[in-house]
Amino acid sequence: MSAPANDFNDVESEIGHLAALIGTITDIVFEMPGSDATMHRVGSLLWIARDLSERLVETTTVCNAPMRMAGGQRS
């Protein structure tokens, strides 16, 4: 585990890592043979978490773009 984020670039990166992790776990769950009600619920919740984390990545990228253009300084 790393230290808390120091700036918005760090937050954006950490959210990206989380999205990749959730996406990988989601893929693994749906590739597992057999299906029961519990795994179906787990898969559904992972799918939601994956989609939300991807939207967070998109949102932080858009929010961080003006700061990148201004040389990293908040206006």
PDB file of N, CA and C in Angstrom:
ATOM      1  N   MET A   1       0.843  -1.163   0.000  1.00  0.00           N
ATOM      2  CA  MET A   1       0.000   0.000   0.000  1.00  0.00           C
ATOM      3  C   MET A   1       0.893   1.232   0.000  1.00  0.00           C
ATOM      4  N   SER A   2       0.515   2.227  -0.756  1.00  0.00           N
ATOM      5  CA  SER A   2       1.342   3.420  -0.874  1.00  0.00           C
ATOM      6  C   SER A   2       0.812   4.531   0.018  1.00  0.00           C
ATOM      7  N   ALA A   3       1.598   5.573   0.115  1.00  0.00           N
ATOM      8  CA  ALA A   3       1.206   6.743   0.894  1.00  0.00           C
ATOM      9  C   ALA A   3       0.020   7.425   0.224  1.00  0.00           C
ATOM     10  N   PRO A   4      -0.692   8.274   0.961  1.00  0.00           N
ATOM     11  CA  PRO A   4      -1.815   8.998   0.355  1.00  0.00           C
ATOM     12  C   PRO A   4      -1.363   9.816  -0.853  1.00  0.00           C
ATOM     13  N   ALA A   5      -2.289  10.029  -1.765  1.00  0.00           N
ATOM     14  CA  ALA A   5      -1.989  10.784  -2.986  1.00  0.00           C
ATOM     15  C   ALA A   5      -1.534  12.196  -2.647  1.00  0.00           C
ATOM     16  N   ASN A   6      -0.532  12.665  -3.386  1.00  0.00           N
ATOM     17  CA  ASN A   6      -0.011  14.009  -3.165  1.00  0.00           C
ATOM     18  C   ASN A   6      -0.661  15.038  -4.065  1.00  0.00           C
ATOM     19  N   ASP A   7      -1.161  14.614  -5.198  1.00  0.00           N
ATOM     20  CA  ASP A   7      -1.808  15.553  -6.104  1.00  0.00           C
ATOM     21  C   ASP A   7      -2.852  14.826  -6.941  1.00  0.00           C
ATOM     22  N   PHE A   8      -3.514  15.575  -7.801  1.00  0.00           N
ATOM     23  CA  PHE A   8      -4.608  15.017  -8.580  1.00  0.00           C
ATOM     24  C   PHE A   8      -4.125  13.966  -9.570  1.00  0.00           C
ATOM     25  N   ASN A   9      -2.894  14.087 -10.046  1.00  0.00           N
ATOM     26  CA  ASN A   9      -2.342  13.060 -10.940  1.00  0.00           C
ATOM     27  C   ASN A   9      -2.250  11.717 -10.221  1.00  0.00           C
ATOM     28  N   ASP A  10      -1.856  11.751  -8.941  1.00  0.00           N
ATOM     29  CA  ASP A  10      -1.777  10.523  -8.156  1.00  0.00           C
ATOM     30  C   ASP A  10      -3.157   9.899  -7.976  1.00  0.00           C
ATOM     31  N   VAL A  11      -4.152  10.740  -7.690  1.00  0.00           N
ATOM     32  CA  VAL A  11      -5.521  10.246  -7.519  1.00  0.00           C
ATOM     33  C   VAL A  11      -6.006   9.602  -8.814  1.00  0.00           C
ATOM     34  N   GLU A  12      -5.766  10.273  -9.927  1.00  0.00           N
ATOM     35  CA  GLU A  12      -6.171   9.745 -11.231  1.00  0.00           C
ATOM     36  C   GLU A  12      -5.511   8.389 -11.491  1.00  0.00           C
ATOM     37  N   SER A  13      -4.238   8.278 -11.179  1.00  0.00           N
ATOM     38  CA  SER A  13      -3.504   7.031 -11.382  1.00  0.00           C
ATOM     39  C   SER A  13      -4.043   5.914 -10.496  1.00  0.00           C
ATOM     40  N   GLU A  14      -4.295   6.214  -9.233  1.00  0.00           N
ATOM     41  CA  GLU A  14      -4.808   5.203  -8.306  1.00  0.00           C
ATOM     42  C   GLU A  14      -6.189   4.714  -8.724  1.00  0.00           C
ATOM     43  N   ILE A  15      -7.040   5.606  -9.194  1.00  0.00           N
ATOM     44  CA  ILE A  15      -8.362   5.200  -9.668  1.00  0.00           C
ATOM     45  C   ILE A  15      -8.213   4.316 -10.905  1.00  0.00           C
ATOM     46  N   GLY A  16      -7.269   4.641 -11.767  1.00  0.00           N
ATOM     47  CA  GLY A  16      -7.009   3.803 -12.936  1.00  0.00           C
ATOM     48  C   GLY A  16      -6.569   2.404 -12.555  1.00  0.00           C
ATOM     49  N   HIS A  17      -5.710   2.300 -11.536  1.00  0.00           N
ATOM     50  CA  HIS A  17      -5.272   0.986 -11.065  1.00  0.00           C
ATOM     51  C   HIS A  17      -6.446   0.203 -10.481  1.00  0.00           C
ATOM     52  N   LEU A  18      -7.297   0.888  -9.723  1.00  0.00           N
ATOM     53  CA  LEU A  18      -8.477   0.242  -9.157  1.00  0.00           C
ATOM     54  C   LEU A  18      -9.400  -0.267 -10.259  1.00  0.00           C
ATOM     55  N   ALA A  19      -9.607   0.541 -11.289  1.00  0.00           N
ATOM     56  CA  ALA A  19     -10.462   0.135 -12.411  1.00  0.00           C
ATOM     57  C   ALA A  19      -9.892  -1.100 -13.105  1.00  0.00           C
ATOM     58  N   ALA A  20      -8.580  -1.138 -13.290  1.00  0.00           N
ATOM     59  CA  ALA A  20      -7.946  -2.298 -13.930  1.00  0.00           C
ATOM     60  C   ALA A  20      -8.102  -3.548 -13.067  1.00  0.00           C
ATOM     61  N   LEU A  21      -7.928  -3.400 -11.762  1.00  0.00           N
ATOM     62  CA  LEU A  21      -8.079  -4.528 -10.849  1.00  0.00           C
ATOM     63  C   LEU A  21      -9.506  -5.066 -10.876  1.00  0.00           C
ATOM     64  N   ILE A  22     -10.483  -4.177 -10.763  1.00  0.00           N
ATOM     65  CA  ILE A  22     -11.881  -4.609 -10.773  1.00  0.00           C
ATOM     66  C   ILE A  22     -12.234  -5.245 -12.115  1.00  0.00           C
ATOM     67  N   GLY A  23     -11.737  -4.674 -13.202  1.00  0.00           N
ATOM     68  CA  GLY A  23     -11.990  -5.249 -14.520  1.00  0.00           C
ATOM     69  C   GLY A  23     -11.437  -6.653 -14.658  1.00  0.00           C
ATOM     70  N   THR A  24     -10.236  -6.871 -14.142  1.00  0.00           N
ATOM     71  CA  THR A  24      -9.615  -8.199 -14.202  1.00  0.00           C
ATOM     72  C   THR A  24     -10.396  -9.213 -13.374  1.00  0.00           C
ATOM     73  N   ILE A  25     -10.770  -8.819 -12.159  1.00  0.00           N
ATOM     74  CA  ILE A  25     -11.542  -9.724 -11.302  1.00  0.00           C
ATOM     75  C   ILE A  25     -12.887 -10.051 -11.948  1.00  0.00           C
ATOM     76  N   THR A  26     -13.526  -9.061 -12.546  1.00  0.00           N
ATOM     77  CA  THR A  26     -14.810  -9.282 -13.226  1.00  0.00           C
ATOM     78  C   THR A  26     -14.652 -10.305 -14.341  1.00  0.00           C
ATOM     79  N   ASP A  27     -13.611 -10.145 -15.149  1.00  0.00           N
ATOM     80  CA  ASP A  27     -13.367 -11.097 -16.242  1.00  0.00           C
ATOM     81  C   ASP A  27     -13.161 -12.515 -15.709  1.00  0.00           C
ATOM     82  N   ILE A  28     -12.402 -12.644 -14.630  1.00  0.00           N
ATOM     83  CA  ILE A  28     -12.128 -13.962 -14.052  1.00  0.00           C
ATOM     84  C   ILE A  28     -13.413 -14.614 -13.544  1.00  0.00           C
ATOM     85  N   VAL A  29     -14.243 -13.837 -12.854  1.00  0.00           N
ATOM     86  CA  VAL A  29     -15.488 -14.388 -12.312  1.00  0.00           C
ATOM     87  C   VAL A  29     -16.385 -14.898 -13.428  1.00  0.00           C
ATOM     88  N   PHE A  30     -16.479 -14.142 -14.521  1.00  0.00           N
ATOM     89  CA  PHE A  30     -17.361 -14.562 -15.605  1.00  0.00           C
ATOM     90  C   PHE A  30     -16.783 -15.709 -16.434  1.00  0.00           C
ATOM     91  N   GLU A  31     -15.493 -15.981 -16.310  1.00  0.00           N
ATOM     92  CA  GLU A  31     -14.878 -17.104 -17.016  1.00  0.00           C
ATOM     93  C   GLU A  31     -14.932 -18.398 -16.205  1.00  0.00           C
ATOM     94  N   MET A  32     -15.296 -18.298 -14.921  1.00  0.00           N
ATOM     95  CA  MET A  32     -15.328 -19.482 -14.059  1.00  0.00           C
ATOM     96  C   MET A  32     -16.470 -20.404 -14.480  1.00  0.00           C
ATOM     97  N   PRO A  33     -16.185 -21.715 -14.513  1.00  0.00           N
ATOM     98  CA  PRO A  33     -17.244 -22.656 -14.881  1.00  0.00           C
ATOM     99  C   PRO A  33     -18.288 -22.773 -13.770  1.00  0.00           C
ATOM    100  N   GLY A  34     -19.484 -23.146 -14.160  1.00  0.00           N
ATOM    101  CA  GLY A  34     -20.556 -23.319 -13.189  1.00  0.00           C
ATOM    102  C   GLY A  34     -21.131 -21.978 -12.771  1.00  0.00           C
ATOM    103  N   SER A  35     -22.298 -22.028 -12.234  1.00  0.00           N
ATOM    104  CA  SER A  35     -22.945 -20.788 -11.828  1.00  0.00           C
ATOM    105  C   SER A  35     -23.938 -21.097 -10.720  1.00  0.00           C
ATOM    106  N   ASP A  36     -23.885 -20.312  -9.680  1.00  0.00           N
ATOM    107  CA  ASP A  36     -24.907 -20.395  -8.648  1.00  0.00           C
ATOM    108  C   ASP A  36     -25.374 -18.979  -8.336  1.00  0.00           C
ATOM    109  N   ALA A  37     -26.365 -18.865  -7.514  1.00  0.00           N
ATOM    110  CA  ALA A  37     -26.964 -17.557  -7.239  1.00  0.00           C
ATOM    111  C   ALA A  37     -25.957 -16.591  -6.616  1.00  0.00           C
ATOM    112  N   THR A  38     -25.113 -17.094  -5.730  1.00  0.00           N
ATOM    113  CA  THR A  38     -24.138 -16.222  -5.072  1.00  0.00           C
ATOM    114  C   THR A  38     -23.127 -15.680  -6.072  1.00  0.00           C
ATOM    115  N   MET A  39     -22.597 -16.542  -6.924  1.00  0.00           N
ATOM    116  CA  MET A  39     -21.623 -16.081  -7.917  1.00  0.00           C
ATOM    117  C   MET A  39     -22.266 -15.137  -8.925  1.00  0.00           C
ATOM    118  N   HIS A  40     -23.532 -15.361  -9.222  1.00  0.00           N
ATOM    119  CA  HIS A  40     -24.233 -14.450 -10.122  1.00  0.00           C
ATOM    120  C   HIS A  40     -24.326 -13.062  -9.491  1.00  0.00           C
ATOM    121  N   ARG A  41     -24.636 -13.010  -8.202  1.00  0.00           N
ATOM    122  CA  ARG A  41     -24.694 -11.719  -7.493  1.00  0.00           C
ATOM    123  C   ARG A  41     -23.322 -11.067  -7.446  1.00  0.00           C
ATOM    124  N   VAL A  42     -22.297 -11.856  -7.139  1.00  0.00           N
ATOM    125  CA  VAL A  42     -20.927 -11.326  -7.097  1.00  0.00           C
ATOM    126  C   VAL A  42     -20.550 -10.755  -8.456  1.00  0.00           C
ATOM    127  N   GLY A  43     -20.827 -11.498  -9.506  1.00  0.00           N
ATOM    128  CA  GLY A  43     -20.521 -11.028 -10.853  1.00  0.00           C
ATOM    129  C   GLY A  43     -21.260  -9.751 -11.197  1.00  0.00           C
ATOM    130  N   SER A  44     -22.525  -9.683 -10.825  1.00  0.00           N
ATOM    131  CA  SER A  44     -23.316  -8.480 -11.104  1.00  0.00           C
ATOM    132  C   SER A  44     -22.769  -7.268 -10.360  1.00  0.00           C
ATOM    133  N   LEU A  45     -22.416  -7.464  -9.097  1.00  0.00           N
ATOM    134  CA  LEU A  45     -21.853  -6.355  -8.317  1.00  0.00           C
ATOM    135  C   LEU A  45     -20.492  -5.931  -8.858  1.00  0.00           C
ATOM    136  N   LEU A  46     -19.688  -6.892  -9.277  1.00  0.00           N
ATOM    137  CA  LEU A  46     -18.394  -6.554  -9.876  1.00  0.00           C
ATOM    138  C   LEU A  46     -18.574  -5.787 -11.174  1.00  0.00           C
ATOM    139  N   TRP A  47     -19.563  -6.153 -11.946  1.00  0.00           N
ATOM    140  CA  TRP A  47     -19.841  -5.457 -13.195  1.00  0.00           C
ATOM    141  C   TRP A  47     -20.183  -3.996 -12.912  1.00  0.00           C
ATOM    142  N   ILE A  48     -21.014  -3.767 -11.905  1.00  0.00           N
ATOM    143  CA  ILE A  48     -21.365  -2.401 -11.513  1.00  0.00           C
ATOM    144  C   ILE A  48     -20.124  -1.654 -11.037  1.00  0.00           C
ATOM    145  N   ALA A  49     -19.319  -2.294 -10.181  1.00  0.00           N
ATOM    146  CA  ALA A  49     -18.104  -1.649  -9.668  1.00  0.00           C
ATOM    147  C   ALA A  49     -17.143  -1.317 -10.797  1.00  0.00           C
ATOM    148  N   ARG A  50     -17.010  -2.225 -11.765  1.00  0.00           N
ATOM    149  CA  ARG A  50     -16.131  -1.976 -12.911  1.00  0.00           C
ATOM    150  C   ARG A  50     -16.599  -0.762 -13.700  1.00  0.00           C
ATOM    151  N   ASP A  51     -17.893  -0.707 -13.990  1.00  0.00           N
ATOM    152  CA  ASP A  51     -18.427   0.419 -14.758  1.00  0.00           C
ATOM    153  C   ASP A  51     -18.263   1.740 -14.012  1.00  0.00           C
ATOM    154  N   LEU A  52     -18.529   1.731 -12.705  1.00  0.00           N
ATOM    155  CA  LEU A  52     -18.372   2.955 -11.915  1.00  0.00           C
ATOM    156  C   LEU A  52     -16.910   3.393 -11.847  1.00  0.00           C
ATOM    157  N   SER A  53     -15.996   2.439 -11.682  1.00  0.00           N
ATOM    158  CA  SER A  53     -14.580   2.808 -11.611  1.00  0.00           C
ATOM    159  C   SER A  53     -14.094   3.352 -12.950  1.00  0.00           C
ATOM    160  N   GLU A  54     -14.597   2.799 -14.057  1.00  0.00           N
ATOM    161  CA  GLU A  54     -14.226   3.338 -15.372  1.00  0.00           C
ATOM    162  C   GLU A  54     -14.760   4.756 -15.547  1.00  0.00           C
ATOM    163  N   ARG A  55     -15.962   5.022 -15.045  1.00  0.00           N
ATOM    164  CA  ARG A  55     -16.502   6.388 -15.120  1.00  0.00           C
ATOM    165  C   ARG A  55     -15.692   7.343 -14.251  1.00  0.00           C
ATOM    166  N   LEU A  56     -15.215   6.862 -13.100  1.00  0.00           N
ATOM    167  CA  LEU A  56     -14.354   7.699 -12.257  1.00  0.00           C
ATOM    168  C   LEU A  56     -13.057   8.047 -12.974  1.00  0.00           C
ATOM    169  N   VAL A  57     -12.486   7.088 -13.689  1.00  0.00           N
ATOM    170  CA  VAL A  57     -11.270   7.356 -14.462  1.00  0.00           C
ATOM    171  C   VAL A  57     -11.551   8.445 -15.493  1.00  0.00           C
ATOM    172  N   GLU A  58     -12.647   8.312 -16.230  1.00  0.00           N
ATOM    173  CA  GLU A  58     -12.996   9.311 -17.246  1.00  0.00           C
ATOM    174  C   GLU A  58     -13.205  10.684 -16.612  1.00  0.00           C
ATOM    175  N   THR A  59     -13.902  10.718 -15.484  1.00  0.00           N
ATOM    176  CA  THR A  59     -14.189  11.989 -14.816  1.00  0.00           C
ATOM    177  C   THR A  59     -12.921  12.651 -14.303  1.00  0.00           C
ATOM    178  N   THR A  60     -12.039  11.886 -13.658  1.00  0.00           N
ATOM    179  CA  THR A  60     -10.811  12.487 -13.144  1.00  0.00           C
ATOM    180  C   THR A  60      -9.907  12.948 -14.279  1.00  0.00           C
ATOM    181  N   THR A  61      -9.919  12.232 -15.390  1.00  0.00           N
ATOM    182  CA  THR A  61      -9.124  12.651 -16.547  1.00  0.00           C
ATOM    183  C   THR A  61      -9.619  13.990 -17.074  1.00  0.00           C
ATOM    184  N   VAL A  62     -10.936  14.132 -17.192  1.00  0.00           N
ATOM    185  CA  VAL A  62     -11.514  15.392 -17.675  1.00  0.00           C
ATOM    186  C   VAL A  62     -11.247  16.522 -16.683  1.00  0.00           C
ATOM    187  N   CYS A  63     -11.414  16.239 -15.394  1.00  0.00           N
ATOM    188  CA  CYS A  63     -11.194  17.273 -14.374  1.00  0.00           C
ATOM    189  C   CYS A  63      -9.733  17.690 -14.293  1.00  0.00           C
ATOM    190  N   ASN A  64      -8.829  16.765 -14.548  1.00  0.00           N
ATOM    191  CA  ASN A  64      -7.403  17.034 -14.435  1.00  0.00           C
ATOM    192  C   ASN A  64      -6.831  17.687 -15.693  1.00  0.00           C
ATOM    193  N   ALA A  65      -7.525  17.600 -16.818  1.00  0.00           N
ATOM    194  CA  ALA A  65      -7.013  18.140 -18.084  1.00  0.00           C
ATOM    195  C   ALA A  65      -6.688  19.630 -18.011  1.00  0.00           C
ATOM    196  N   PRO A  66      -7.556  20.475 -17.442  1.00  0.00           N
ATOM    197  CA  PRO A  66      -7.205  21.904 -17.382  1.00  0.00           C
ATOM    198  C   PRO A  66      -5.946  22.174 -16.561  1.00  0.00           C
ATOM    199  N   MET A  67      -5.722  21.382 -15.505  1.00  0.00           N
ATOM    200  CA  MET A  67      -4.517  21.584 -14.693  1.00  0.00           C
ATOM    201  C   MET A  67      -3.275  21.182 -15.469  1.00  0.00           C
ATOM    202  N   ARG A  68      -3.371  20.122 -16.279  1.00  0.00           N
ATOM    203  CA  ARG A  68      -2.229  19.722 -17.104  1.00  0.00           C
ATOM    204  C   ARG A  68      -1.894  20.818 -18.106  1.00  0.00           C
ATOM    205  N   MET A  69      -2.920  21.402 -18.696  1.00  0.00           N
ATOM    206  CA  MET A  69      -2.710  22.443 -19.702  1.00  0.00           C
ATOM    207  C   MET A  69      -2.108  23.695 -19.077  1.00  0.00           C
ATOM    208  N   ALA A  70      -2.385  23.914 -17.793  1.00  0.00           N
ATOM    209  CA  ALA A  70      -1.862  25.092 -17.111  1.00  0.00           C
ATOM    210  C   ALA A  70      -0.551  24.792 -16.397  1.00  0.00           C
ATOM    211  N   GLY A  71       0.098  23.717 -16.753  1.00  0.00           N
ATOM    212  CA  GLY A  71       1.390  23.386 -16.156  1.00  0.00           C
ATOM    213  C   GLY A  71       1.280  22.811 -14.766  1.00  0.00           C
ATOM    214  N   GLY A  72       0.137  22.214 -14.446  1.00  0.00           N
ATOM    215  CA  GLY A  72      -0.029  21.582 -13.150  1.00  0.00           C
ATOM    216  C   GLY A  72      -0.485  22.512 -12.058  1.00  0.00           C
ATOM    217  N   GLN A  73      -0.690  23.760 -12.368  1.00  0.00           N
ATOM    218  CA  GLN A  73      -1.126  24.725 -11.368  1.00  0.00           C
ATOM    219  C   GLN A  73      -2.638  24.866 -11.401  1.00  0.00           C
ATOM    220  N   ARG A  74      -3.239  24.857 -10.236  1.00  0.00           N
ATOM    221  CA  ARG A  74      -4.682  25.100 -10.161  1.00  0.00           C
ATOM    222  C   ARG A  74      -4.949  26.573 -10.428  1.00  0.00           C
ATOM    223  N   SER A  75      -6.041  26.817 -11.141  1.00  0.00           N
ATOM    224  CA  SER A  75      -6.371  28.221 -11.417  1.00  0.00           C
ATOM    225  C   SER A  75      -7.413  28.720 -10.456  1.00  0.00           C
TER     226      SER A  75
END
